[in-house]
């Protein structure tokens, strides 16, 4: 019986060492494949999503929205005084909302506009 206990003890020690080396090997392999995949993805994506024109349109749209909110703001500092002509002025009721809506439309156009792509033939001809 003593021999069976020794055999069992030795087998237990071997299994303890063996899975550890397998685990280390399996962990290192996926990391290497992941790093290869990310490097190949980086090299494939060279073009930006938006063109210079897209960015200009979006910045102009943000500026229009900002101008619209500035036109809508302002007024009397005294909360007890109600100045109907100032609150219901054409600038606040008509001009400012139209400016803000035009700004939002400009932003949407800037996002949805396809960037101009230059083909290889056009660069050779120029």
Protein backbone atom coordinates (compact mmCIF):
# COMPACT_ATOMS: atom_id res chain seq x y z
CA UNK A 1 0.00 0.00 0.00
CA UNK A 2 2.86 2.34 0.60
CA UNK A 3 3.88 1.99 -3.03
CA UNK A 4 0.41 2.95 -4.24
CA UNK A 5 0.55 6.10 -2.14
CA UNK A 6 3.93 7.02 -3.62
CA UNK A 7 2.71 6.47 -7.16
CA UNK A 8 -0.32 8.56 -6.49
CA UNK A 9 1.81 11.31 -4.97
CA UNK A 10 4.17 11.39 -7.95
CA UNK A 11 1.31 11.48 -10.46
CA UNK A 12 -0.28 14.32 -8.55
CA UNK A 13 2.95 16.34 -8.61
CA UNK A 14 3.39 15.76 -12.34
CA UNK A 15 -0.13 16.92 -13.16
CA UNK A 16 0.46 20.01 -11.08
CA UNK A 17 3.51 21.02 -13.13
CA UNK A 18 2.19 20.03 -16.55
CA UNK A 19 -1.02 22.15 -16.70
CA UNK A 20 0.90 25.23 -15.61
CA UNK A 21 3.21 25.03 -18.63
CA UNK A 22 0.23 24.41 -20.93
CA UNK A 23 -1.57 27.42 -19.51
CA UNK A 24 1.41 29.71 -20.07
CA UNK A 25 1.77 28.49 -23.65
CA UNK A 26 -1.93 29.01 -24.44
CA UNK A 27 -1.93 32.50 -22.93
CA UNK A 28 1.09 33.70 -24.88
CA UNK A 29 -0.21 32.46 -28.24
CA UNK A 30 -3.41 34.59 -28.41
CA UNK A 31 -1.55 37.73 -27.38
CA UNK A 32 0.80 37.31 -30.32
CA UNK A 33 -2.10 36.85 -32.74
CA UNK A 34 -3.96 39.83 -31.33
CA UNK A 35 -0.96 42.11 -31.75
CA UNK A 36 -0.53 40.93 -35.35
CA UNK A 37 -4.20 41.60 -36.08
CA UNK A 38 -4.17 45.12 -34.68
CA UNK A 39 -1.04 46.05 -36.58
CA UNK A 40 -2.58 44.86 -39.84
CA UNK A 41 -5.77 46.81 -39.11
CA UNK A 42 -3.81 50.00 -38.49
CA UNK A 43 -1.99 49.68 -41.78
CA UNK A 44 -5.21 49.18 -43.76
CA UNK A 45 -7.03 52.30 -42.48
CA UNK A 46 -5.00 55.21 -43.88
CA UNK A 47 -7.81 57.56 -44.95
CA UNK A 48 -9.73 59.80 -42.57
CA UNK A 49 -13.48 59.47 -42.27
CA UNK A 50 -14.15 63.11 -43.14
CA UNK A 51 -12.57 65.45 -45.64
CA UNK A 52 -11.49 69.06 -45.02
CA UNK A 53 -14.77 70.25 -46.53
CA UNK A 54 -16.75 68.15 -44.05
CA UNK A 55 -14.92 69.66 -41.10
CA UNK A 56 -15.41 73.20 -42.42
CA UNK A 57 -19.16 72.60 -42.82
CA UNK A 58 -19.47 71.15 -39.32
CA UNK A 59 -17.53 74.04 -37.75
CA UNK A 60 -19.68 76.55 -39.67
CA UNK A 61 -22.79 74.77 -38.40
CA UNK A 62 -21.59 74.92 -34.80
CA UNK A 63 -20.83 78.62 -35.26
CA UNK A 64 -24.37 79.25 -36.60
CA UNK A 65 -25.90 77.44 -33.63
CA UNK A 66 -23.76 79.47 -31.24
CA UNK A 67 -24.70 82.75 -32.97
CA UNK A 68 -28.38 81.76 -32.80
CA UNK A 69 -28.20 81.19 -29.05
CA UNK A 70 -26.37 84.49 -28.56
CA UNK A 71 -29.11 86.27 -30.55
CA UNK A 72 -31.75 84.60 -28.39
CA UNK A 73 -30.10 85.57 -25.10
CA UNK A 74 -29.94 88.92 -23.37
CA UNK A 75 -32.56 91.07 -21.82
CA UNK A 76 -33.35 92.99 -18.71
CA UNK A 77 -31.50 92.17 -15.49
CA UNK A 78 -34.43 93.10 -13.23
CA UNK A 79 -36.81 90.12 -12.93
CA UNK A 80 -39.69 92.31 -11.65
CA UNK A 81 -39.84 94.35 -14.86
CA UNK A 82 -41.59 92.75 -17.86
CA UNK A 83 -40.60 94.39 -21.12
CA UNK A 84 -42.87 92.88 -23.76
CA UNK A 85 -41.14 94.53 -26.72
CA UNK A 86 -37.77 93.14 -25.70
CA UNK A 87 -38.93 89.57 -25.03
CA UNK A 88 -41.14 89.25 -28.12
CA UNK A 89 -38.75 91.01 -30.49
CA UNK A 90 -38.24 89.76 -34.03
CA UNK A 91 -34.62 88.95 -33.24
CA UNK A 92 -35.56 86.48 -30.47
CA UNK A 93 -38.72 85.02 -31.99
CA UNK A 94 -37.73 84.70 -35.66
CA UNK A 95 -34.08 85.35 -36.47
CA UNK A 96 -32.46 83.34 -33.66
CA UNK A 97 -34.48 80.09 -34.14
CA UNK A 98 -33.98 80.22 -37.93
CA UNK A 99 -30.22 80.67 -37.39
CA UNK A 100 -30.10 77.70 -35.02
CA UNK A 101 -32.06 75.47 -37.41
CA UNK A 102 -29.78 76.49 -40.31
CA UNK A 103 -26.80 75.61 -38.10
CA UNK A 104 -28.18 72.14 -37.37
CA UNK A 105 -28.89 71.57 -41.07
CA UNK A 106 -25.33 72.64 -41.92
CA UNK A 107 -23.94 70.18 -39.35
CA UNK A 108 -26.02 67.32 -40.79
CA UNK A 109 -24.90 68.19 -44.34
CA UNK A 110 -21.29 68.27 -43.14
CA UNK A 111 -21.65 64.81 -41.61
CA UNK A 112 -23.51 63.20 -44.52
CA UNK A 113 -21.50 64.72 -47.39
CA UNK A 114 -19.26 62.14 -49.02
CA UNK A 115 -15.62 63.18 -49.18
CA UNK A 116 -14.18 63.66 -52.65
CA UNK A 117 -12.06 60.68 -53.61
CA UNK A 118 -9.16 61.12 -56.00
CA UNK A 119 -8.68 58.17 -58.34
CA UNK A 120 -5.30 56.98 -59.49
CA UNK A 121 -5.98 58.16 -63.09
CA UNK A 122 -6.70 61.72 -61.97
CA UNK A 123 -3.40 61.96 -60.09
CA UNK A 124 -1.43 60.61 -63.07
CA UNK A 125 -3.07 63.12 -65.47
CA UNK A 126 -2.37 66.09 -63.21
